[in-house]
Amino acid sequence: MKELKYEIYIGGTPEQVWACLVSPEYVQQIYYASIIRSSFKEGELLEYVGPGPEGEEIVHVYGTLLEYTPLKHLCFTHKVGPAYLKEGQENYESRISWRLEPVGGCTKLSLIHDQWHPDDPSYEPSDSAWWHVLSNTKTLIETGHTLDFGSNK
C-alpha cells in the first residue's frame, strides 16, 4: 500500500508547531489560504475550507477526526472536496497522521499520509503539496513569514 512519510525538525516549541496545525489563523498561512474547521472531537467532521477558483468558499479537504491529543498527535481521514472530482469520479479516502515530538530545543514534526486506494488520483499532487505545507510550517515558526512559491500553491 502506498504511503507518504515526512519528518522535519523545526526550531520552535511543540506549542508553536501545534498552533500551526490547528489554529485557523496559522493554518490559513500554511494551507493555501484555507482554514481548518472542526470541533476537535474524535468521530466528528474536520474540514479545510478556503477560496475556490472564483473566490467563493469551497471545501478543499474533509474527513473524520480519528485522534486528537494536543501537542502530540492529530489524525483524520482525508477526502478531497467535491469541486476536485470529475463527474462520476469516486472519492477515495486516505488517512493523515501528524505527530510532534520535542527534541532538544526543537520539535520533530512527522507526517504520514497512508491508507491510499491504488486508484486515488490525489496521491501524486499530495506528495508535492505536503512539501509546501511542511516548508511553510517550518518557515513560519522560525521566521514569522511563509514562503513565496510563485503561485497559489
N, C-alpha and C. Protein backbone atom coordinates (compact mmCIF):
# COMPACT_ATOMS: atom_id res chain seq x y z
N MET A 1 0.84 -1.18 0.00
CA MET A 1 0.00 0.00 0.00
C MET A 1 0.89 1.25 0.00
N LYS A 2 0.51 2.24 -0.78
CA LYS A 2 1.28 3.48 -0.86
C LYS A 2 1.23 4.24 0.46
N GLU A 3 2.32 4.98 0.69
CA GLU A 3 2.42 5.78 1.90
C GLU A 3 3.31 6.97 1.62
N LEU A 4 2.89 8.14 2.06
CA LEU A 4 3.74 9.33 2.02
C LEU A 4 4.18 9.58 3.45
N LYS A 5 5.49 9.71 3.66
CA LYS A 5 6.01 9.88 5.01
C LYS A 5 7.08 10.96 4.99
N TYR A 6 6.98 11.89 5.94
CA TYR A 6 7.91 13.01 6.02
C TYR A 6 8.27 13.26 7.48
N GLU A 7 9.49 13.70 7.71
CA GLU A 7 9.93 14.14 9.03
C GLU A 7 10.72 15.41 8.85
N ILE A 8 10.45 16.39 9.70
CA ILE A 8 11.15 17.66 9.61
C ILE A 8 11.37 18.18 11.03
N TYR A 9 12.51 18.83 11.23
CA TYR A 9 12.82 19.41 12.53
C TYR A 9 12.61 20.91 12.43
N ILE A 10 11.89 21.46 13.42
CA ILE A 10 11.51 22.86 13.40
C ILE A 10 12.05 23.55 14.64
N GLY A 11 12.66 24.70 14.45
CA GLY A 11 13.20 25.49 15.56
C GLY A 11 12.09 26.21 16.30
N GLY A 12 11.27 25.45 16.98
CA GLY A 12 10.16 26.00 17.74
C GLY A 12 9.64 24.97 18.72
N THR A 13 8.78 25.41 19.61
CA THR A 13 8.23 24.53 20.63
C THR A 13 7.08 23.69 20.06
N PRO A 14 6.75 22.58 20.73
CA PRO A 14 5.57 21.83 20.30
C PRO A 14 4.31 22.70 20.29
N GLU A 15 4.20 23.66 21.22
CA GLU A 15 3.04 24.55 21.24
C GLU A 15 2.96 25.38 19.97
N GLN A 16 4.09 25.88 19.48
CA GLN A 16 4.10 26.66 18.25
C GLN A 16 3.74 25.80 17.05
N VAL A 17 4.30 24.61 16.99
CA VAL A 17 4.02 23.71 15.86
C VAL A 17 2.57 23.29 15.89
N TRP A 18 2.05 22.94 17.06
CA TRP A 18 0.66 22.54 17.19
C TRP A 18 -0.28 23.65 16.72
N ALA A 19 0.04 24.89 17.10
CA ALA A 19 -0.79 26.03 16.68
C ALA A 19 -0.85 26.12 15.15
N CYS A 20 0.25 25.83 14.48
CA CYS A 20 0.25 25.87 13.00
C CYS A 20 -0.66 24.81 12.41
N LEU A 21 -0.88 23.72 13.12
CA LEU A 21 -1.70 22.63 12.61
C LEU A 21 -3.19 22.79 12.92
N VAL A 22 -3.53 23.51 13.99
CA VAL A 22 -4.94 23.53 14.41
C VAL A 22 -5.56 24.92 14.58
N SER A 23 -4.79 25.98 14.60
CA SER A 23 -5.34 27.33 14.78
C SER A 23 -5.63 27.94 13.42
N PRO A 24 -6.89 28.33 13.17
CA PRO A 24 -7.25 28.84 11.84
C PRO A 24 -6.33 29.94 11.30
N GLU A 25 -5.90 30.86 12.16
CA GLU A 25 -5.05 31.95 11.66
C GLU A 25 -3.69 31.48 11.17
N TYR A 26 -3.18 30.40 11.72
CA TYR A 26 -1.91 29.83 11.25
C TYR A 26 -2.12 28.85 10.10
N VAL A 27 -3.16 28.03 10.22
CA VAL A 27 -3.47 27.06 9.16
C VAL A 27 -3.65 27.81 7.84
N GLN A 28 -4.32 28.94 7.88
CA GLN A 28 -4.57 29.73 6.67
C GLN A 28 -3.26 30.14 5.99
N GLN A 29 -2.23 30.36 6.76
CA GLN A 29 -0.94 30.77 6.20
C GLN A 29 -0.17 29.61 5.58
N ILE A 30 -0.37 28.41 6.09
CA ILE A 30 0.41 27.27 5.58
C ILE A 30 -0.36 26.41 4.59
N TYR A 31 -1.69 26.46 4.60
CA TYR A 31 -2.53 25.60 3.76
C TYR A 31 -3.24 26.36 2.65
N TYR A 32 -2.51 27.07 1.83
CA TYR A 32 -3.09 27.68 0.63
C TYR A 32 -4.32 28.53 0.92
N ALA A 33 -4.27 29.31 2.00
CA ALA A 33 -5.34 30.24 2.40
C ALA A 33 -6.58 29.55 2.94
N SER A 34 -6.52 28.24 3.20
CA SER A 34 -7.65 27.53 3.78
C SER A 34 -7.58 27.61 5.31
N ILE A 35 -8.74 27.57 5.93
CA ILE A 35 -8.79 27.48 7.39
C ILE A 35 -9.28 26.08 7.76
N ILE A 36 -9.00 25.71 8.98
CA ILE A 36 -9.47 24.41 9.48
C ILE A 36 -10.75 24.65 10.27
N ARG A 37 -11.73 23.78 10.05
CA ARG A 37 -12.97 23.82 10.83
C ARG A 37 -13.17 22.46 11.47
N SER A 38 -13.29 22.47 12.77
CA SER A 38 -13.50 21.22 13.49
C SER A 38 -13.86 21.52 14.93
N SER A 39 -14.63 20.63 15.52
CA SER A 39 -14.89 20.69 16.96
C SER A 39 -13.70 20.08 17.72
N PHE A 40 -12.84 19.37 16.98
CA PHE A 40 -11.71 18.62 17.52
C PHE A 40 -12.18 17.55 18.51
N LYS A 41 -13.37 17.01 18.22
CA LYS A 41 -13.87 15.86 18.97
C LYS A 41 -13.78 14.65 18.06
N GLU A 42 -13.18 13.59 18.58
CA GLU A 42 -12.99 12.37 17.79
C GLU A 42 -14.33 11.86 17.27
N GLY A 43 -14.34 11.47 16.00
CA GLY A 43 -15.53 10.97 15.35
C GLY A 43 -16.32 12.04 14.62
N GLU A 44 -15.94 13.31 14.80
CA GLU A 44 -16.66 14.41 14.15
C GLU A 44 -15.91 14.93 12.93
N LEU A 45 -16.59 15.77 12.17
CA LEU A 45 -16.08 16.32 10.93
C LEU A 45 -14.88 17.26 11.15
N LEU A 46 -13.92 17.15 10.25
CA LEU A 46 -12.81 18.09 10.16
C LEU A 46 -12.74 18.48 8.69
N GLU A 47 -12.64 19.79 8.41
CA GLU A 47 -12.55 20.22 7.02
C GLU A 47 -11.63 21.41 6.88
N TYR A 48 -11.04 21.52 5.68
CA TYR A 48 -10.23 22.66 5.30
C TYR A 48 -11.03 23.42 4.25
N VAL A 49 -11.37 24.66 4.58
CA VAL A 49 -12.23 25.48 3.74
C VAL A 49 -11.47 26.72 3.34
N GLY A 50 -11.57 27.07 2.07
CA GLY A 50 -10.87 28.26 1.60
C GLY A 50 -11.41 28.74 0.28
N PRO A 51 -10.72 29.70 -0.30
CA PRO A 51 -11.20 30.28 -1.55
C PRO A 51 -11.09 29.29 -2.71
N GLY A 52 -12.13 29.30 -3.55
CA GLY A 52 -12.12 28.50 -4.77
C GLY A 52 -11.62 29.33 -5.93
N PRO A 53 -11.70 28.80 -7.14
CA PRO A 53 -11.17 29.49 -8.32
C PRO A 53 -11.79 30.86 -8.58
N GLU A 54 -13.05 31.02 -8.21
CA GLU A 54 -13.75 32.29 -8.42
C GLU A 54 -13.79 33.12 -7.14
N GLY A 55 -13.05 32.71 -6.12
CA GLY A 55 -13.03 33.43 -4.86
C GLY A 55 -14.09 32.97 -3.88
N GLU A 56 -14.99 32.10 -4.32
CA GLU A 56 -16.04 31.58 -3.44
C GLU A 56 -15.43 30.59 -2.44
N GLU A 57 -16.13 30.40 -1.33
CA GLU A 57 -15.65 29.46 -0.32
C GLU A 57 -16.00 28.04 -0.73
N ILE A 58 -14.99 27.16 -0.72
CA ILE A 58 -15.22 25.74 -1.02
C ILE A 58 -14.49 24.88 0.00
N VAL A 59 -14.94 23.64 0.10
CA VAL A 59 -14.26 22.66 0.94
C VAL A 59 -13.18 22.02 0.09
N HIS A 60 -11.93 22.18 0.51
CA HIS A 60 -10.82 21.60 -0.23
C HIS A 60 -10.57 20.15 0.19
N VAL A 61 -10.63 19.90 1.49
CA VAL A 61 -10.38 18.57 2.04
C VAL A 61 -11.30 18.39 3.25
N TYR A 62 -11.77 17.17 3.46
CA TYR A 62 -12.57 16.90 4.65
C TYR A 62 -12.37 15.47 5.08
N GLY A 63 -12.79 15.20 6.31
CA GLY A 63 -12.69 13.85 6.83
C GLY A 63 -13.25 13.77 8.23
N THR A 64 -12.97 12.66 8.87
CA THR A 64 -13.42 12.41 10.23
C THR A 64 -12.21 12.43 11.16
N LEU A 65 -12.32 13.16 12.25
CA LEU A 65 -11.24 13.22 13.22
C LEU A 65 -11.14 11.87 13.93
N LEU A 66 -9.97 11.25 13.85
CA LEU A 66 -9.75 9.93 14.45
C LEU A 66 -9.05 10.03 15.80
N GLU A 67 -8.10 10.95 15.91
CA GLU A 67 -7.38 11.12 17.18
C GLU A 67 -6.94 12.56 17.32
N TYR A 68 -7.09 13.09 18.53
CA TYR A 68 -6.71 14.46 18.83
C TYR A 68 -6.10 14.47 20.22
N THR A 69 -4.77 14.47 20.27
CA THR A 69 -4.04 14.56 21.52
C THR A 69 -3.19 15.82 21.45
N PRO A 70 -3.67 16.92 22.06
CA PRO A 70 -2.97 18.21 21.92
C PRO A 70 -1.48 18.11 22.18
N LEU A 71 -0.75 18.80 21.31
CA LEU A 71 0.71 18.90 21.34
C LEU A 71 1.43 17.60 20.97
N LYS A 72 0.67 16.56 20.59
CA LYS A 72 1.30 15.27 20.29
C LYS A 72 0.84 14.63 18.99
N HIS A 73 -0.50 14.51 18.79
CA HIS A 73 -0.97 13.71 17.66
C HIS A 73 -2.31 14.22 17.15
N LEU A 74 -2.38 14.35 15.84
CA LEU A 74 -3.61 14.72 15.14
C LEU A 74 -3.76 13.74 13.98
N CYS A 75 -4.89 13.05 13.93
CA CYS A 75 -5.10 12.04 12.90
C CYS A 75 -6.54 12.12 12.40
N PHE A 76 -6.71 12.09 11.07
CA PHE A 76 -8.04 12.17 10.48
C PHE A 76 -8.06 11.50 9.13
N THR A 77 -9.27 11.11 8.72
CA THR A 77 -9.43 10.58 7.36
C THR A 77 -9.37 11.76 6.40
N HIS A 78 -9.09 11.47 5.14
CA HIS A 78 -8.88 12.52 4.14
C HIS A 78 -9.64 12.18 2.87
N LYS A 79 -10.46 13.11 2.43
CA LYS A 79 -11.10 13.05 1.12
C LYS A 79 -10.99 14.43 0.50
N VAL A 80 -10.86 14.49 -0.82
CA VAL A 80 -10.84 15.79 -1.48
C VAL A 80 -12.25 16.34 -1.56
N GLY A 81 -12.36 17.66 -1.58
CA GLY A 81 -13.65 18.30 -1.68
C GLY A 81 -14.33 18.02 -3.01
N PRO A 82 -15.65 18.15 -3.06
CA PRO A 82 -16.41 17.84 -4.27
C PRO A 82 -15.95 18.60 -5.51
N ALA A 83 -15.45 19.80 -5.36
CA ALA A 83 -15.03 20.61 -6.51
C ALA A 83 -13.85 19.98 -7.25
N TYR A 84 -13.12 19.08 -6.60
CA TYR A 84 -11.95 18.46 -7.20
C TYR A 84 -12.28 17.18 -7.97
N LEU A 85 -13.52 16.74 -7.88
CA LEU A 85 -13.89 15.49 -8.53
C LEU A 85 -14.50 15.73 -9.90
N LYS A 86 -14.11 14.91 -10.85
CA LYS A 86 -14.75 14.94 -12.17
C LYS A 86 -16.06 14.17 -12.05
N GLU A 87 -16.99 14.47 -12.92
CA GLU A 87 -18.29 13.82 -12.86
C GLU A 87 -18.13 12.30 -12.90
N GLY A 88 -18.77 11.65 -11.94
CA GLY A 88 -18.74 10.19 -11.87
C GLY A 88 -17.49 9.62 -11.21
N GLN A 89 -16.54 10.47 -10.84
CA GLN A 89 -15.29 10.01 -10.23
C GLN A 89 -15.52 9.65 -8.77
N GLU A 90 -14.97 8.52 -8.36
CA GLU A 90 -15.10 8.10 -6.98
C GLU A 90 -14.19 8.94 -6.09
N ASN A 91 -14.66 9.24 -4.89
CA ASN A 91 -13.87 10.00 -3.92
C ASN A 91 -13.29 9.03 -2.91
N TYR A 92 -12.01 8.74 -3.06
CA TYR A 92 -11.34 7.77 -2.21
C TYR A 92 -10.93 8.39 -0.88
N GLU A 93 -10.84 7.56 0.12
CA GLU A 93 -10.44 8.02 1.45
C GLU A 93 -9.04 7.52 1.78
N SER A 94 -8.25 8.39 2.38
CA SER A 94 -6.94 8.02 2.92
C SER A 94 -6.87 8.55 4.35
N ARG A 95 -5.70 8.47 4.97
CA ARG A 95 -5.57 8.90 6.36
C ARG A 95 -4.33 9.77 6.52
N ILE A 96 -4.46 10.83 7.33
CA ILE A 96 -3.36 11.74 7.63
C ILE A 96 -3.08 11.69 9.12
N SER A 97 -1.81 11.51 9.47
CA SER A 97 -1.38 11.50 10.88
C SER A 97 -0.23 12.47 11.07
N TRP A 98 -0.42 13.42 11.95
CA TRP A 98 0.64 14.34 12.36
C TRP A 98 1.11 13.93 13.75
N ARG A 99 2.42 13.88 13.96
CA ARG A 99 2.99 13.59 15.28
C ARG A 99 4.05 14.63 15.60
N LEU A 100 4.04 15.11 16.84
CA LEU A 100 5.02 16.07 17.32
C LEU A 100 5.82 15.44 18.44
N GLU A 101 7.11 15.74 18.44
CA GLU A 101 7.99 15.21 19.48
C GLU A 101 9.05 16.25 19.79
N PRO A 102 9.15 16.69 21.07
CA PRO A 102 10.23 17.62 21.40
C PRO A 102 11.57 16.90 21.30
N VAL A 103 12.54 17.58 20.68
CA VAL A 103 13.89 17.04 20.54
C VAL A 103 14.85 18.18 20.86
N GLY A 104 15.47 18.12 22.03
CA GLY A 104 16.34 19.22 22.44
C GLY A 104 15.54 20.51 22.47
N GLY A 105 16.05 21.53 21.77
CA GLY A 105 15.38 22.82 21.71
C GLY A 105 14.50 22.98 20.49
N CYS A 106 14.17 21.88 19.81
CA CYS A 106 13.32 21.98 18.62
C CYS A 106 12.20 20.93 18.69
N THR A 107 11.41 20.87 17.64
CA THR A 107 10.31 19.91 17.57
C THR A 107 10.43 19.10 16.30
N LYS A 108 10.34 17.79 16.45
CA LYS A 108 10.29 16.90 15.29
C LYS A 108 8.83 16.77 14.88
N LEU A 109 8.53 17.13 13.64
CA LEU A 109 7.18 17.01 13.10
C LEU A 109 7.19 15.88 12.08
N SER A 110 6.36 14.87 12.31
CA SER A 110 6.23 13.74 11.39
C SER A 110 4.85 13.77 10.78
N LEU A 111 4.80 13.46 9.50
CA LEU A 111 3.54 13.38 8.78
C LEU A 111 3.51 12.06 8.03
N ILE A 112 2.46 11.30 8.24
CA ILE A 112 2.25 10.08 7.47
C ILE A 112 0.88 10.20 6.81
N HIS A 113 0.87 10.10 5.50
CA HIS A 113 -0.39 10.11 4.73
C HIS A 113 -0.46 8.73 4.09
N ASP A 114 -1.34 7.89 4.63
CA ASP A 114 -1.37 6.49 4.21
C ASP A 114 -2.80 6.01 3.97
N GLN A 115 -2.94 4.71 3.85
CA GLN A 115 -4.21 4.03 3.55
C GLN A 115 -4.81 4.52 2.23
N TRP A 116 -3.94 4.70 1.25
CA TRP A 116 -4.36 5.15 -0.08
C TRP A 116 -5.01 4.01 -0.87
N HIS A 117 -6.03 4.34 -1.59
CA HIS A 117 -6.60 3.40 -2.56
C HIS A 117 -5.67 3.44 -3.78
N PRO A 118 -5.38 2.31 -4.42
CA PRO A 118 -4.45 2.29 -5.56
C PRO A 118 -4.87 3.20 -6.72
N ASP A 119 -6.16 3.49 -6.85
CA ASP A 119 -6.63 4.33 -7.96
C ASP A 119 -6.83 5.79 -7.58
N ASP A 120 -6.46 6.19 -6.38
CA ASP A 120 -6.69 7.57 -5.93
C ASP A 120 -5.80 8.54 -6.71
N PRO A 121 -6.41 9.44 -7.50
CA PRO A 121 -5.61 10.37 -8.31
C PRO A 121 -4.98 11.50 -7.50
N SER A 122 -5.31 11.62 -6.23
CA SER A 122 -4.74 12.72 -5.44
C SER A 122 -3.40 12.35 -4.78
N TYR A 123 -2.92 11.13 -5.02
CA TYR A 123 -1.65 10.71 -4.41
C TYR A 123 -0.48 11.59 -4.88
N GLU A 124 -0.28 11.70 -6.16
CA GLU A 124 0.86 12.48 -6.69
C GLU A 124 0.76 13.95 -6.31
N PRO A 125 -0.38 14.62 -6.51
CA PRO A 125 -0.47 16.02 -6.09
C PRO A 125 -0.23 16.21 -4.59
N SER A 126 -0.63 15.22 -3.79
CA SER A 126 -0.41 15.33 -2.34
C SER A 126 1.07 15.31 -2.00
N ASP A 127 1.84 14.47 -2.68
CA ASP A 127 3.28 14.40 -2.42
C ASP A 127 3.93 15.77 -2.62
N SER A 128 3.57 16.46 -3.66
CA SER A 128 4.10 17.80 -3.92
C SER A 128 3.58 18.81 -2.91
N ALA A 129 2.29 18.77 -2.65
CA ALA A 129 1.67 19.75 -1.75
C ALA A 129 2.19 19.64 -0.33
N TRP A 130 2.45 18.42 0.14
CA TRP A 130 2.93 18.27 1.52
C TRP A 130 4.27 18.97 1.73
N TRP A 131 5.14 18.96 0.73
CA TRP A 131 6.41 19.66 0.88
C TRP A 131 6.19 21.16 1.06
N HIS A 132 5.21 21.72 0.36
CA HIS A 132 4.88 23.14 0.53
C HIS A 132 4.36 23.41 1.95
N VAL A 133 3.45 22.57 2.41
CA VAL A 133 2.87 22.76 3.74
C VAL A 133 3.95 22.63 4.82
N LEU A 134 4.77 21.62 4.73
CA LEU A 134 5.84 21.42 5.72
C LEU A 134 6.85 22.56 5.69
N SER A 135 7.24 22.99 4.50
CA SER A 135 8.20 24.09 4.38
C SER A 135 7.61 25.38 4.94
N ASN A 136 6.34 25.63 4.65
CA ASN A 136 5.68 26.82 5.19
C ASN A 136 5.58 26.76 6.71
N THR A 137 5.30 25.60 7.26
CA THR A 137 5.20 25.44 8.71
C THR A 137 6.53 25.78 9.36
N LYS A 138 7.59 25.18 8.87
CA LYS A 138 8.92 25.42 9.41
C LYS A 138 9.31 26.90 9.29
N THR A 139 9.11 27.46 8.12
CA THR A 139 9.50 28.84 7.87
C THR A 139 8.67 29.81 8.71
N LEU A 140 7.37 29.58 8.81
CA LEU A 140 6.51 30.46 9.61
C LEU A 140 6.94 30.47 11.07
N ILE A 141 7.20 29.32 11.62
CA ILE A 141 7.60 29.25 13.03
C ILE A 141 8.97 29.89 13.24
N GLU A 142 9.89 29.64 12.35
CA GLU A 142 11.26 30.11 12.55
C GLU A 142 11.48 31.57 12.14
N THR A 143 10.65 32.10 11.23
CA THR A 143 10.88 33.47 10.75
C THR A 143 9.68 34.39 10.90
N GLY A 144 8.50 33.83 11.11
CA GLY A 144 7.29 34.65 11.18
C GLY A 144 6.65 34.91 9.83
N HIS A 145 7.21 34.33 8.77
CA HIS A 145 6.68 34.50 7.41
C HIS A 145 6.59 33.15 6.72
N THR A 146 5.77 33.08 5.67
CA THR A 146 5.73 31.87 4.85
C THR A 146 6.52 32.11 3.57
N LEU A 147 6.65 31.08 2.77
CA LEU A 147 7.42 31.16 1.53
C LEU A 147 6.56 31.63 0.37
N ASP A 148 7.20 32.22 -0.63
CA ASP A 148 6.51 32.62 -1.86
C ASP A 148 6.84 31.58 -2.91
N PHE A 149 5.87 30.72 -3.21
CA PHE A 149 6.08 29.67 -4.21
C PHE A 149 5.74 30.15 -5.61
N GLY A 150 5.36 31.42 -5.74
CA GLY A 150 5.10 31.97 -7.08
C GLY A 150 3.75 31.63 -7.64
N SER A 151 2.88 31.02 -6.85
CA SER A 151 1.53 30.68 -7.31
C SER A 151 0.67 30.50 -6.07
N ASN A 152 -0.55 30.00 -6.26
CA ASN A 152 -1.42 29.72 -5.11
C ASN A 152 -0.96 28.51 -4.33
N LYS A 153 -0.05 27.74 -4.88
CA LYS A 153 0.44 26.54 -4.17
C LYS A 153 1.73 26.81 -3.50
